[in-house]
Structures are given as structure tokens and as C-alpha cells.
Amino acid sequence: MEVSSRPTLPRRAGFRESSWWKPPKSSARCASIWWNWRSRTRWKSRYISKNKVSTTDPDSTYATKGGTPARLGYYDNYLVDNHSCVIVGVQATAARMSQETVAAQDMIARFARWQGREPRSVAADATYGNGEFLQWLLERDITPYMRTRDSVPRKNSPFYGPERFTYLPESNGYRCPAGQQLNYGGRNARNRTYAYIGTRKRCGACSQKAQCTNGEFRYLAIPMHELARQRARDLANTLGFASAQRERKKVEALFAELKNQIGLRRLRLRRMKFVREQFFLAAAAQNIKRLVRFLSQGPRPRLAVTT
């Protein structure tokens, strides 16, 4: 969830932000002034896009989500129990996608210390489906019901994808669809992938080269946490995944309630420590509403036992 704050842009010395002034049409001098005014306007847009810093709330982050205009704000992260719809974890982070998985790990770890056990499964959207977070869940035996974040070239490539290749654990290599082997070529630390490379001799005479690569040989990049990613892909085709995704709508309903009923579209206080307090108080109010509804139901009548 994104909550915005009200920033103030820093001004450059000697720069006017008046938008009402227009240059006269018949003056060469005014034409040069108009060009200077336009160049300063372009400098202003570049300053906003590169620095993205607020002088009144430095902890807020300039970001956008869902195609909306970019603005300064924070992200509110919830960990919700699907059965009772009770919020069991709250985390305030900067408005960056990379911080959402970090917040999820912190909330799950706190829940495990509180309950003395790990949750059985976690349902989330594709934003959380990166290799590091899926590996973190795999190490704790938590079932991930989320789609993986595959790269755009992998989705739109006309060539064979990594799923068409078979891993050979005895030689640490891959077998291509034509039966040729790709040898291990090292690790790419920047992209966090393992490289498996074919040879010109094997790929040059292959009958399926047109469907495999447009280069002299095939280069296969496998993510470091491919085992955890493949586990998530296999779970995406199960009935449990479909059920977990339907239950996940409860989290979106809580965010809608937070904005529309509680009115937390804008923050009342600035800086991260005060934003964290506002998010915790709002989550406590939402849990109290569910507690009142649960207590107002009263005890359920017992069914008569017949013999």
C-alpha cells in the first residue's frame, strides 16, 4: 500500500516558477529570454527526476505504482491471518519495491517468535516472487503461493526457454532439447545467475539451432535460486494456489478499508518513526473492529444429539 506525504520542492537560486508569463511575438530579445525560461523548466524536471528528495520529509521516497503519477510517500505492509482476517504483522518501509520482501521476512520472523512456529504457507502477488525470498521460504519449509518474477526477455523470447533444458547433476551441466550438453561456465555475480555454455561445434551443426539461438552457440543463464523458483512455478498449477489467491483478497480489502473508512490516504505526521506509529495505530483499530464483530456474534447454539 502506498501512502503519500506532502513534500516541498527545493528552489534554485534565481529561478522563478511563474507560469503566467508568455513572451511577446515580435522581439528577438524576448525570444532568447523565452528559450532561457524553457531551459530552466527542463532543469527543474531533471532535478525532480534525479534527486527525488523532500526537504520537509527526507525519509519519504519518490515512487510510482500501478501507472499512477509519481509522488513522495511510504509503503504499508500487512501480514494477515487468512482464517480470521486479523492483522498479525505491520511494517512501514520506504516506497521501494525491494523493501517489500524485506518487510515480509521481518513480519514472518516476528510471527514465528510470537507463535513458536512458522506459518504453513504464504500467499502474495508477483512482487514477492523473487529468488531470494522464495529461497528464504524454502529453507523454513513454508509453502509459497505466489508467481515468480521472470524477466521480460524470458517471457517474450522466441527461442527455447530454460524449462526446455534438463539438468545433469553428475556433470553439473544441462542437456538441450537436441540432446547436446551445455557445460558450466561460471557465475555472474551481478545478475546472480549461473552460466552454461554450448560449443560452436555442437550448436553449429544442430538441426534445432533456429529455435534455440541466433548466435554461434547457446548461452543459458540459470538463476542462483532456480530450485526455489521452480518449486513456486509448480505450485502455481495446483488447487491450493487458486484457493490461496482468493483468500489473498482479504489483504486488499483491509487496505481499501484503511483508505476509504479510516481515511489514511495522507499521513498526519512525517518521518519514518512517526509513520510507523500511524500504521500500527490504524492496524490496531482494524483489529478492534473485528474483535467487536466476533464478540457480538455470541455463542453458537449446540445441535441436538439424537440417539
Protein backbone atom coordinates (compact mmCIF):
# COMPACT_ATOMS: atom_id res chain seq x y z
CA MET A 1 0.00 0.00 0.00
CA GLU A 2 1.29 3.48 -0.86
CA VAL A 3 0.58 6.44 1.42
CA SER A 4 1.75 9.85 0.30
CA SER A 5 3.19 12.73 2.25
CA ARG A 6 3.12 16.40 1.32
CA PRO A 7 6.61 17.43 0.16
CA THR A 8 8.14 20.83 -0.56
CA LEU A 9 10.44 21.14 -3.57
CA PRO A 10 13.75 22.94 -3.10
CA ARG A 11 14.14 26.05 -5.23
CA ARG A 12 17.17 27.02 -7.20
CA ALA A 13 18.60 30.45 -6.55
CA GLY A 14 17.39 33.00 -9.11
CA PHE A 15 14.69 30.74 -10.57
CA ARG A 16 11.10 31.82 -10.86
CA GLU A 17 8.31 29.34 -11.09
CA SER A 18 5.80 31.79 -12.63
CA SER A 19 3.78 30.02 -15.33
CA TRP A 20 1.68 33.04 -16.39
CA TRP A 21 4.45 34.86 -18.29
CA LYS A 22 4.48 34.43 -22.07
CA PRO A 23 7.00 36.04 -24.45
CA PRO A 24 5.89 38.70 -26.96
CA LYS A 25 5.79 37.53 -30.55
CA SER A 26 7.77 40.39 -32.15
CA SER A 27 11.08 40.59 -30.32
CA ALA A 28 14.37 38.75 -30.86
CA ARG A 29 15.46 39.63 -27.33
CA CYS A 30 12.31 38.15 -25.86
CA ALA A 31 12.78 35.02 -27.93
CA SER A 32 16.16 34.42 -26.25
CA ILE A 33 14.59 35.06 -22.85
CA TRP A 34 11.84 32.57 -23.67
CA TRP A 35 14.44 29.94 -24.56
CA ASN A 36 16.24 30.56 -21.27
CA TRP A 37 12.95 30.15 -19.40
CA ARG A 38 12.30 26.88 -21.18
CA SER A 39 15.79 25.59 -20.36
CA ARG A 40 15.22 26.37 -16.69
CA THR A 41 11.93 24.49 -16.81
CA ARG A 42 13.72 21.47 -18.23
CA TRP A 43 16.32 21.77 -15.46
CA LYS A 44 13.51 21.69 -12.91
CA SER A 45 12.07 18.45 -14.31
CA ARG A 46 15.53 16.85 -14.39
CA TYR A 47 16.16 17.91 -10.80
CA ILE A 48 12.93 16.28 -9.64
CA SER A 49 13.53 13.01 -11.52
CA LYS A 50 17.15 12.56 -10.44
CA ASN A 51 17.28 13.67 -6.82
CA LYS A 52 13.78 12.79 -5.53
CA VAL A 53 14.44 14.27 -2.08
CA SER A 54 11.99 16.21 0.03
CA THR A 55 13.29 18.98 2.29
CA THR A 56 10.35 18.56 4.69
CA ASP A 57 10.27 14.73 4.88
CA PRO A 58 13.64 13.21 3.86
CA ASP A 59 12.53 9.67 4.80
CA SER A 60 9.82 9.59 2.11
CA THR A 61 10.63 8.18 -1.32
CA TYR A 62 9.65 9.41 -4.76
CA ALA A 63 7.97 6.45 -6.49
CA THR A 64 5.00 5.30 -8.54
CA LYS A 65 2.89 2.15 -8.58
CA GLY A 66 0.22 0.85 -10.92
CA GLY A 67 0.71 3.52 -13.59
CA THR A 68 -0.25 6.39 -11.26
CA PRO A 69 1.69 9.69 -11.21
CA ALA A 70 4.83 9.53 -9.10
CA ARG A 71 4.79 11.15 -5.68
CA LEU A 72 6.57 11.04 -2.34
CA GLY A 73 5.27 8.50 0.14
CA TYR A 74 5.71 5.27 2.11
CA TYR A 75 4.61 1.64 1.83
CA ASP A 76 2.40 -0.02 4.43
CA ASN A 77 2.90 -3.81 4.62
CA TYR A 78 0.47 -6.21 6.32
CA LEU A 79 0.74 -9.84 7.38
CA VAL A 80 -2.81 -11.20 7.71
CA ASP A 81 -4.18 -14.48 9.01
CA ASN A 82 -6.48 -15.75 6.25
CA HIS A 83 -8.83 -17.66 8.54
CA SER A 84 -9.70 -14.83 10.96
CA CYS A 85 -8.71 -11.82 8.78
CA VAL A 86 -6.70 -10.47 11.73
CA ILE A 87 -3.58 -8.40 11.10
CA VAL A 88 -0.65 -10.16 12.78
CA GLY A 89 2.18 -8.04 11.34
CA VAL A 90 2.70 -4.40 10.30
CA GLN A 91 5.79 -2.88 8.73
CA ALA A 92 6.39 0.62 7.38
CA THR A 93 9.02 0.91 4.65
CA ALA A 94 10.23 3.37 2.06
CA ALA A 95 8.27 3.38 -1.19
CA ARG A 96 10.55 0.90 -2.96
CA MET A 97 9.60 -2.49 -4.36
CA SER A 98 12.77 -4.08 -2.99
CA GLN A 99 11.72 -3.23 0.57
CA GLU A 100 8.51 -5.25 0.40
CA THR A 101 10.24 -8.64 0.61
CA VAL A 102 12.48 -7.37 3.42
CA ALA A 103 9.39 -6.30 5.34
CA ALA A 104 7.74 -9.68 4.69
CA GLN A 105 10.74 -11.52 6.12
CA ASP A 106 10.72 -9.35 9.24
CA MET A 107 6.99 -9.84 9.82
CA ILE A 108 7.15 -13.62 9.30
CA ALA A 109 10.16 -13.88 11.66
CA ARG A 110 8.32 -11.90 14.35
CA PHE A 111 5.23 -14.08 13.89
CA ALA A 112 7.36 -17.22 14.30
CA ARG A 113 8.89 -15.91 17.55
CA TRP A 114 5.45 -14.94 18.84
CA GLN A 115 3.68 -18.20 17.98
CA GLY A 116 6.66 -20.51 18.38
CA ARG A 117 6.17 -21.98 14.89
CA GLU A 118 6.46 -20.99 11.24
CA PRO A 119 3.34 -20.37 9.14
CA ARG A 120 2.36 -23.24 6.86
CA SER A 121 2.02 -21.14 3.70
CA VAL A 122 2.33 -17.56 2.45
CA ALA A 123 0.23 -16.07 -0.37
CA ALA A 124 1.33 -12.89 -2.12
CA ASP A 125 1.45 -11.23 -5.54
CA ALA A 126 4.25 -11.47 -8.10
CA THR A 127 6.17 -8.60 -6.46
CA TYR A 128 7.36 -11.03 -3.78
CA GLY A 129 8.26 -13.80 -6.25
CA ASN A 130 12.00 -13.16 -6.48
CA GLY A 131 14.58 -15.88 -5.99
CA GLU A 132 15.95 -14.62 -2.67
CA PHE A 133 12.58 -14.53 -0.94
CA LEU A 134 11.49 -17.89 -2.37
CA GLN A 135 14.75 -19.44 -1.18
CA TRP A 136 14.21 -17.92 2.27
CA LEU A 137 10.78 -19.58 2.41
CA LEU A 138 12.17 -22.88 1.15
CA GLU A 139 14.74 -23.01 3.95
CA ARG A 140 11.92 -22.63 6.51
CA ASP A 141 9.61 -25.15 4.84
CA ILE A 142 6.94 -22.51 4.11
CA THR A 143 4.78 -23.13 1.04
CA PRO A 144 4.89 -20.09 -1.32
CA TYR A 145 1.66 -19.38 -3.19
CA MET A 146 2.95 -16.63 -5.48
CA ARG A 147 4.04 -16.27 -9.07
CA THR A 148 7.71 -15.85 -9.91
CA ARG A 149 9.17 -12.64 -11.25
CA ASP A 150 10.53 -13.87 -14.57
CA SER A 151 12.37 -11.42 -16.78
CA VAL A 152 10.67 -9.87 -19.80
CA PRO A 153 13.15 -11.36 -22.33
CA ARG A 154 12.43 -14.81 -20.93
CA LYS A 155 8.68 -14.35 -21.40
CA ASN A 156 8.84 -12.85 -24.91
CA SER A 157 11.81 -14.74 -26.34
CA PRO A 158 11.09 -16.81 -29.49
CA PHE A 159 13.83 -19.30 -28.52
CA TYR A 160 13.79 -22.25 -26.15
CA GLY A 161 13.42 -21.25 -22.51
CA PRO A 162 15.32 -22.76 -19.57
CA GLU A 163 12.41 -25.11 -18.91
CA ARG A 164 13.25 -26.99 -22.13
CA PHE A 165 16.69 -27.93 -20.80
CA THR A 166 17.38 -30.84 -18.43
CA TYR A 167 19.82 -30.50 -15.55
CA LEU A 168 22.54 -33.15 -15.24
CA PRO A 169 23.69 -33.25 -11.59
CA GLU A 170 26.53 -35.73 -12.19
CA SER A 171 28.34 -33.35 -14.57
CA ASN A 172 26.82 -30.03 -13.43
CA GLY A 173 25.57 -29.30 -16.91
CA TYR A 174 22.37 -29.06 -18.94
CA ARG A 175 21.09 -31.15 -21.84
CA CYS A 176 19.40 -29.22 -24.64
CA PRO A 177 16.27 -30.48 -26.50
CA ALA A 178 18.54 -31.86 -29.26
CA GLY A 179 20.50 -33.99 -26.75
CA GLN A 180 23.69 -31.87 -26.68
CA GLN A 181 25.31 -30.86 -23.40
CA LEU A 182 25.93 -27.33 -22.15
CA ASN A 183 28.92 -27.09 -19.80
CA TYR A 184 29.15 -24.94 -16.69
CA GLY A 185 30.80 -21.60 -17.50
CA GLY A 186 30.93 -19.80 -14.16
CA ARG A 187 28.85 -17.45 -12.05
CA ASN A 188 27.63 -13.96 -12.91
CA ALA A 189 27.60 -12.16 -9.59
CA ARG A 190 25.98 -9.02 -11.00
CA ASN A 191 22.97 -10.83 -12.47
CA ARG A 192 23.05 -13.55 -9.76
CA THR A 193 22.97 -16.35 -12.33
CA TYR A 194 24.99 -19.42 -13.30
CA ALA A 195 26.17 -19.61 -16.92
CA TYR A 196 26.01 -22.78 -19.02
CA ILE A 197 27.54 -22.54 -22.49
CA GLY A 198 27.47 -24.74 -25.57
CA THR A 199 30.19 -25.00 -28.21
CA ARG A 200 30.38 -23.90 -31.82
CA LYS A 201 30.92 -27.48 -32.92
CA ARG A 202 27.82 -28.81 -31.17
CA CYS A 203 25.50 -25.90 -31.87
CA GLY A 204 26.69 -25.13 -35.41
CA ALA A 205 25.53 -28.45 -36.88
CA CYS A 206 22.36 -28.72 -34.77
CA SER A 207 19.07 -29.03 -36.66
CA GLN A 208 17.21 -27.06 -33.95
CA LYS A 209 19.56 -24.09 -33.81
CA ALA A 210 16.98 -21.72 -35.32
CA GLN A 211 14.63 -22.44 -32.40
CA CYS A 212 17.41 -22.31 -29.79
CA THR A 213 19.63 -19.30 -30.50
CA ASN A 214 20.66 -16.76 -33.12
CA GLY A 215 24.31 -16.79 -32.05
CA GLU A 216 27.15 -19.16 -32.73
CA PHE A 217 26.34 -21.21 -29.61
CA ARG A 218 23.71 -21.27 -26.85
CA TYR A 219 24.27 -19.32 -23.65
CA LEU A 220 21.96 -20.41 -20.83
CA ALA A 221 21.62 -18.23 -17.71
CA ILE A 222 20.13 -20.04 -14.71
CA PRO A 223 19.25 -18.01 -11.55
CA MET A 224 21.09 -18.96 -8.40
CA HIS A 225 17.82 -19.88 -6.65
CA GLU A 226 16.30 -21.76 -9.56
CA LEU A 227 15.22 -24.68 -7.36
CA ALA A 228 13.05 -22.42 -5.20
CA ARG A 229 11.69 -20.62 -8.25
CA GLN A 230 10.77 -23.89 -9.95
CA ARG A 231 9.01 -25.01 -6.79
CA ALA A 232 6.85 -21.87 -6.93
CA ARG A 233 6.09 -22.44 -10.63
CA ASP A 234 4.93 -25.98 -9.91
CA LEU A 235 2.67 -24.80 -7.09
CA ALA A 236 1.04 -22.23 -9.37
CA ASN A 237 -0.77 -25.07 -11.19
CA THR A 238 -2.36 -26.58 -8.06
CA LEU A 239 -5.77 -26.10 -6.46
CA GLY A 240 -4.13 -24.82 -3.30
CA PHE A 241 -2.64 -21.91 -5.24
CA ALA A 242 -6.05 -20.88 -6.61
CA SER A 243 -7.59 -21.07 -3.14
CA ALA A 244 -4.74 -19.06 -1.58
CA GLN A 245 -5.05 -16.33 -4.20
CA ARG A 246 -8.77 -16.00 -3.45
CA GLU A 247 -8.00 -15.69 0.25
CA ARG A 248 -5.38 -13.07 -0.52
CA LYS A 249 -8.12 -10.61 -1.47
CA LYS A 250 -8.73 -10.11 2.24
CA VAL A 251 -5.49 -8.14 2.42
CA GLU A 252 -6.62 -5.83 -0.37
CA ALA A 253 -9.95 -5.36 1.43
CA LEU A 254 -8.06 -4.24 4.55
CA PHE A 255 -6.11 -1.68 2.52
CA ALA A 256 -9.36 -0.42 0.98
CA GLU A 257 -10.84 -0.08 4.47
CA LEU A 258 -7.72 1.76 5.60
CA LYS A 259 -8.11 4.35 2.86
CA ASN A 260 -11.87 4.72 2.46
CA GLN A 261 -13.19 4.24 6.02
CA ILE A 262 -10.29 5.12 8.31
CA GLY A 263 -9.16 7.88 5.94
CA LEU A 264 -5.41 7.21 5.92
CA ARG A 265 -4.84 8.42 2.38
CA ARG A 266 -2.47 11.08 3.68
CA LEU A 267 -0.19 10.91 6.70
CA ARG A 268 -0.67 13.31 9.57
CA LEU A 269 2.95 13.11 10.75
CA ARG A 270 6.26 12.96 8.88
CA ARG A 271 9.46 10.93 9.27
CA MET A 272 9.68 7.15 9.44
CA LYS A 273 9.28 6.69 13.21
CA PHE A 274 6.03 8.68 13.27
CA VAL A 275 4.76 6.98 10.10
CA ARG A 276 5.38 3.62 11.75
CA GLU A 277 3.25 4.68 14.73
CA GLN A 278 0.39 5.76 12.48
CA PHE A 279 0.40 2.43 10.64
CA PHE A 280 0.42 0.47 13.91
CA LEU A 281 -2.47 2.51 15.34
CA ALA A 282 -4.51 2.06 12.16
CA ALA A 283 -3.91 -1.72 12.18
CA ALA A 284 -4.92 -1.87 15.86
CA ALA A 285 -8.18 -0.05 15.04
CA GLN A 286 -8.92 -2.54 12.27
CA ASN A 287 -8.29 -5.49 14.60
CA ILE A 288 -10.55 -3.96 17.28
CA LYS A 289 -13.36 -3.73 14.74
CA ARG A 290 -13.05 -7.44 14.03
CA LEU A 291 -12.87 -8.24 17.73
CA VAL A 292 -16.13 -6.36 18.35
CA ARG A 293 -17.81 -8.17 15.47
CA PHE A 294 -16.56 -11.52 16.78
CA LEU A 295 -17.80 -10.86 20.34
CA SER A 296 -21.19 -9.57 19.17
CA GLN A 297 -21.99 -12.86 17.48
CA GLY A 298 -22.46 -14.65 20.78
CA PRO A 299 -22.11 -18.35 21.44
CA ARG A 300 -23.33 -20.65 18.73
CA PRO A 301 -26.22 -22.94 19.71
CA ARG A 302 -25.32 -26.57 20.04
CA LEU A 303 -27.03 -29.05 17.82
CA ALA A 304 -29.34 -31.53 19.48
CA VAL A 305 -27.90 -35.01 19.74
CA THR A 306 -30.27 -37.81 18.77
CA THR A 307 -29.81 -41.43 19.71
